[in-house]
Amino acid sequence: MDLENRVIYCNTRRFAGDDAVKTKLTLDMGGVTKDDLVEYAIDSLVIKWQTSIRKKKDASVPSEATYKVPKPGTRAAAEMSDEEMLMALAKKFGSVEKVEEELRRRMGRAPLEV
């Protein structure tokens, strides 16, 4: 099955600070199959996931993860593990006790008696 060529427009800077050049780029699909395009997409998604990990401050690379693939042209919603969320809250509020206090305040509940 022959795939149709695709024409897209992209803006490219050779170096940071250069003016972007708008290019009309024709993607010649003559030598690839749909399965080949899926492989390209998977490669691209892996790179996007790796970039998302690298951008997180104080995050370690997990040994297992799930990446919710966004629709083309949209950005993935930021997802945090429970541990990342609790660490971020502890940093924001200063202590686990203050996180608990804030959560209870927002939920309208009194602190637990221990």
C-alpha atoms as a PDB file:
ATOM      1  CA  MET A   1       0.000   0.000   0.000  1.00  0.00           C
ATOM      2  CA  ASP A   2       1.452   3.347  -1.043  1.00  0.00           C
ATOM      3  CA  LEU A   3       1.229   6.105   1.504  1.00  0.00           C
ATOM      4  CA  GLU A   4       0.545   9.634   0.373  1.00  0.00           C
ATOM      5  CA  ASN A   5       3.233  12.247   0.643  1.00  0.00           C
ATOM      6  CA  ARG A   6       2.554  14.787   3.353  1.00  0.00           C
ATOM      7  CA  VAL A   7       3.316  18.498   3.132  1.00  0.00           C
ATOM      8  CA  ILE A   8       3.873  20.323   6.423  1.00  0.00           C
ATOM      9  CA  TYR A   9       5.222  23.727   7.381  1.00  0.00           C
ATOM     10  CA  CYS A  10       7.791  23.998  10.134  1.00  0.00           C
ATOM     11  CA  ASN A  11       9.874  26.754  11.702  1.00  0.00           C
ATOM     12  CA  THR A  12      13.534  25.933  12.301  1.00  0.00           C
ATOM     13  CA  ARG A  13      16.407  27.814  13.941  1.00  0.00           C
ATOM     14  CA  ARG A  14      19.911  26.678  13.085  1.00  0.00           C
ATOM     15  CA  PHE A  15      21.241  27.942  16.432  1.00  0.00           C
ATOM     16  CA  ALA A  16      19.616  29.384  19.546  1.00  0.00           C
ATOM     17  CA  GLY A  17      19.031  33.082  18.968  1.00  0.00           C
ATOM     18  CA  ASP A  18      18.818  32.766  15.173  1.00  0.00           C
ATOM     19  CA  ASP A  19      15.685  33.871  13.366  1.00  0.00           C
ATOM     20  CA  ALA A  20      13.425  30.945  12.501  1.00  0.00           C
ATOM     21  CA  VAL A  21      13.086  29.982   8.851  1.00  0.00           C
ATOM     22  CA  LYS A  22       9.676  28.736   7.742  1.00  0.00           C
ATOM     23  CA  THR A  23      10.076  25.666   5.538  1.00  0.00           C
ATOM     24  CA  LYS A  24       7.523  23.911   3.361  1.00  0.00           C
ATOM     25  CA  LEU A  25       8.617  20.316   3.958  1.00  0.00           C
ATOM     26  CA  THR A  26       7.355  17.428   1.829  1.00  0.00           C
ATOM     27  CA  LEU A  27       7.555  14.065   3.565  1.00  0.00           C
ATOM     28  CA  ASP A  28       8.056  11.502   0.802  1.00  0.00           C
ATOM     29  CA  MET A  29       6.359   8.347   2.107  1.00  0.00           C
ATOM     30  CA  GLY A  30       7.238   6.218  -0.916  1.00  0.00           C
ATOM     31  CA  GLY A  31       9.547   3.823   0.879  1.00  0.00           C
ATOM     32  CA  VAL A  32       7.704   3.180   4.152  1.00  0.00           C
ATOM     33  CA  THR A  33       4.734   1.149   5.331  1.00  0.00           C
ATOM     34  CA  LYS A  34       2.115   1.969   7.951  1.00  0.00           C
ATOM     35  CA  ASP A  35       3.992  -0.335  10.330  1.00  0.00           C
ATOM     36  CA  ASP A  36       7.163   1.708   9.699  1.00  0.00           C
ATOM     37  CA  LEU A  37       5.275   4.887  10.621  1.00  0.00           C
ATOM     38  CA  VAL A  38       4.075   3.274  13.842  1.00  0.00           C
ATOM     39  CA  GLU A  39       7.714   2.505  14.696  1.00  0.00           C
ATOM     40  CA  TYR A  40       8.632   6.148  14.060  1.00  0.00           C
ATOM     41  CA  ALA A  41       5.772   7.236  16.316  1.00  0.00           C
ATOM     42  CA  ILE A  42       6.864   4.882  19.089  1.00  0.00           C
ATOM     43  CA  ASP A  43      10.451   6.194  18.868  1.00  0.00           C
ATOM     44  CA  SER A  44       9.139   9.755  19.115  1.00  0.00           C
ATOM     45  CA  LEU A  45       6.946   8.911  22.115  1.00  0.00           C
ATOM     46  CA  VAL A  46       9.850   7.310  23.960  1.00  0.00           C
ATOM     47  CA  ILE A  47      11.876  10.494  23.434  1.00  0.00           C
ATOM     48  CA  LYS A  48       8.969  12.634  24.698  1.00  0.00           C
ATOM     49  CA  TRP A  49       8.687  10.474  27.823  1.00  0.00           C
ATOM     50  CA  GLN A  50      12.453  10.622  28.444  1.00  0.00           C
ATOM     51  CA  THR A  51      12.341  14.418  28.075  1.00  0.00           C
ATOM     52  CA  SER A  52       9.501  14.645  30.597  1.00  0.00           C
ATOM     53  CA  ILE A  53      11.604  12.726  33.148  1.00  0.00           C
ATOM     54  CA  ARG A  54      14.664  14.905  32.524  1.00  0.00           C
ATOM     55  CA  LYS A  55      12.638  18.093  33.051  1.00  0.00           C
ATOM     56  CA  LYS A  56      11.397  17.035  36.504  1.00  0.00           C
ATOM     57  CA  LYS A  57      13.445  18.460  39.329  1.00  0.00           C
ATOM     58  CA  ASP A  58      14.769  15.958  41.847  1.00  0.00           C
ATOM     59  CA  ALA A  59      13.186  13.022  39.987  1.00  0.00           C
ATOM     60  CA  SER A  60      14.847   9.704  39.411  1.00  0.00           C
ATOM     61  CA  VAL A  61      14.324   7.541  36.369  1.00  0.00           C
ATOM     62  CA  PRO A  62      11.795   4.853  37.296  1.00  0.00           C
ATOM     63  CA  SER A  63      12.419   1.205  36.505  1.00  0.00           C
ATOM     64  CA  GLU A  64       8.797   0.905  35.359  1.00  0.00           C
ATOM     65  CA  ALA A  65       6.420   3.598  34.080  1.00  0.00           C
ATOM     66  CA  THR A  66       3.311   4.286  32.016  1.00  0.00           C
ATOM     67  CA  TYR A  67       3.092   7.224  29.602  1.00  0.00           C
ATOM     68  CA  LYS A  68      -0.391   8.344  28.655  1.00  0.00           C
ATOM     69  CA  VAL A  69       0.003   9.242  24.987  1.00  0.00           C
ATOM     70  CA  PRO A  70      -1.532  12.634  24.162  1.00  0.00           C
ATOM     71  CA  LYS A  71      -3.363  13.358  20.916  1.00  0.00           C
ATOM     72  CA  PRO A  72      -1.050  14.805  18.229  1.00  0.00           C
ATOM     73  CA  GLY A  73      -0.724  18.564  18.537  1.00  0.00           C
ATOM     74  CA  THR A  74      -1.493  18.586  22.271  1.00  0.00           C
ATOM     75  CA  ARG A  75       0.718  18.387  25.303  1.00  0.00           C
ATOM     76  CA  ALA A  76       0.662  15.569  27.783  1.00  0.00           C
ATOM     77  CA  ALA A  77      -0.872  16.394  31.120  1.00  0.00           C
ATOM     78  CA  ALA A  78       1.710  16.430  33.857  1.00  0.00           C
ATOM     79  CA  GLU A  79       1.481  13.226  35.819  1.00  0.00           C
ATOM     80  CA  MET A  80       3.092  12.616  39.163  1.00  0.00           C
ATOM     81  CA  SER A  81       3.458   9.440  41.127  1.00  0.00           C
ATOM     82  CA  ASP A  82       2.043   9.458  44.643  1.00  0.00           C
ATOM     83  CA  GLU A  83       5.584   9.741  45.981  1.00  0.00           C
ATOM     84  CA  GLU A  84       6.389  12.726  43.719  1.00  0.00           C
ATOM     85  CA  MET A  85       3.166  14.460  44.747  1.00  0.00           C
ATOM     86  CA  LEU A  86       3.814  13.962  48.467  1.00  0.00           C
ATOM     87  CA  MET A  87       7.420  15.131  48.121  1.00  0.00           C
ATOM     88  CA  ALA A  88       6.287  18.256  46.261  1.00  0.00           C
ATOM     89  CA  LEU A  89       3.671  18.997  48.940  1.00  0.00           C
ATOM     90  CA  ALA A  90       6.184  18.465  51.738  1.00  0.00           C
ATOM     91  CA  LYS A  91       8.590  20.894  50.044  1.00  0.00           C
ATOM     92  CA  LYS A  92       5.826  23.450  49.539  1.00  0.00           C
ATOM     93  CA  PHE A  93       4.452  23.295  53.077  1.00  0.00           C
ATOM     94  CA  GLY A  94       7.690  22.527  54.900  1.00  0.00           C
ATOM     95  CA  SER A  95       6.721  19.341  56.740  1.00  0.00           C
ATOM     96  CA  VAL A  96       4.483  16.307  56.598  1.00  0.00           C
ATOM     97  CA  GLU A  97       2.490  17.688  59.530  1.00  0.00           C
ATOM     98  CA  LYS A  98       1.766  20.920  57.664  1.00  0.00           C
ATOM     99  CA  VAL A  99       0.728  18.951  54.572  1.00  0.00           C
ATOM    100  CA  GLU A 100      -1.703  16.952  56.713  1.00  0.00           C
ATOM    101  CA  GLU A 101      -2.985  20.153  58.331  1.00  0.00           C
ATOM    102  CA  GLU A 102      -3.560  21.786  54.925  1.00  0.00           C
ATOM    103  CA  LEU A 103      -5.329  18.719  53.521  1.00  0.00           C
ATOM    104  CA  ARG A 104      -7.625  18.548  56.534  1.00  0.00           C
ATOM    105  CA  ARG A 105      -8.349  22.280  56.283  1.00  0.00           C
ATOM    106  CA  ARG A 106      -9.285  21.956  52.618  1.00  0.00           C
ATOM    107  CA  MET A 107     -11.404  18.905  53.284  1.00  0.00           C
ATOM    108  CA  GLY A 108     -13.085  20.538  56.307  1.00  0.00           C
ATOM    109  CA  ARG A 109     -12.027  17.863  58.766  1.00  0.00           C
ATOM    110  CA  ALA A 110     -10.501  18.089  62.205  1.00  0.00           C
ATOM    111  CA  PRO A 111      -7.075  16.535  62.907  1.00  0.00           C
ATOM    112  CA  LEU A 112      -6.940  12.930  64.034  1.00  0.00           C
ATOM    113  CA  GLU A 113      -6.527  12.300  67.737  1.00  0.00           C
ATOM    114  CA  VAL A 114      -3.637   9.927  68.282  1.00  0.00           C
END
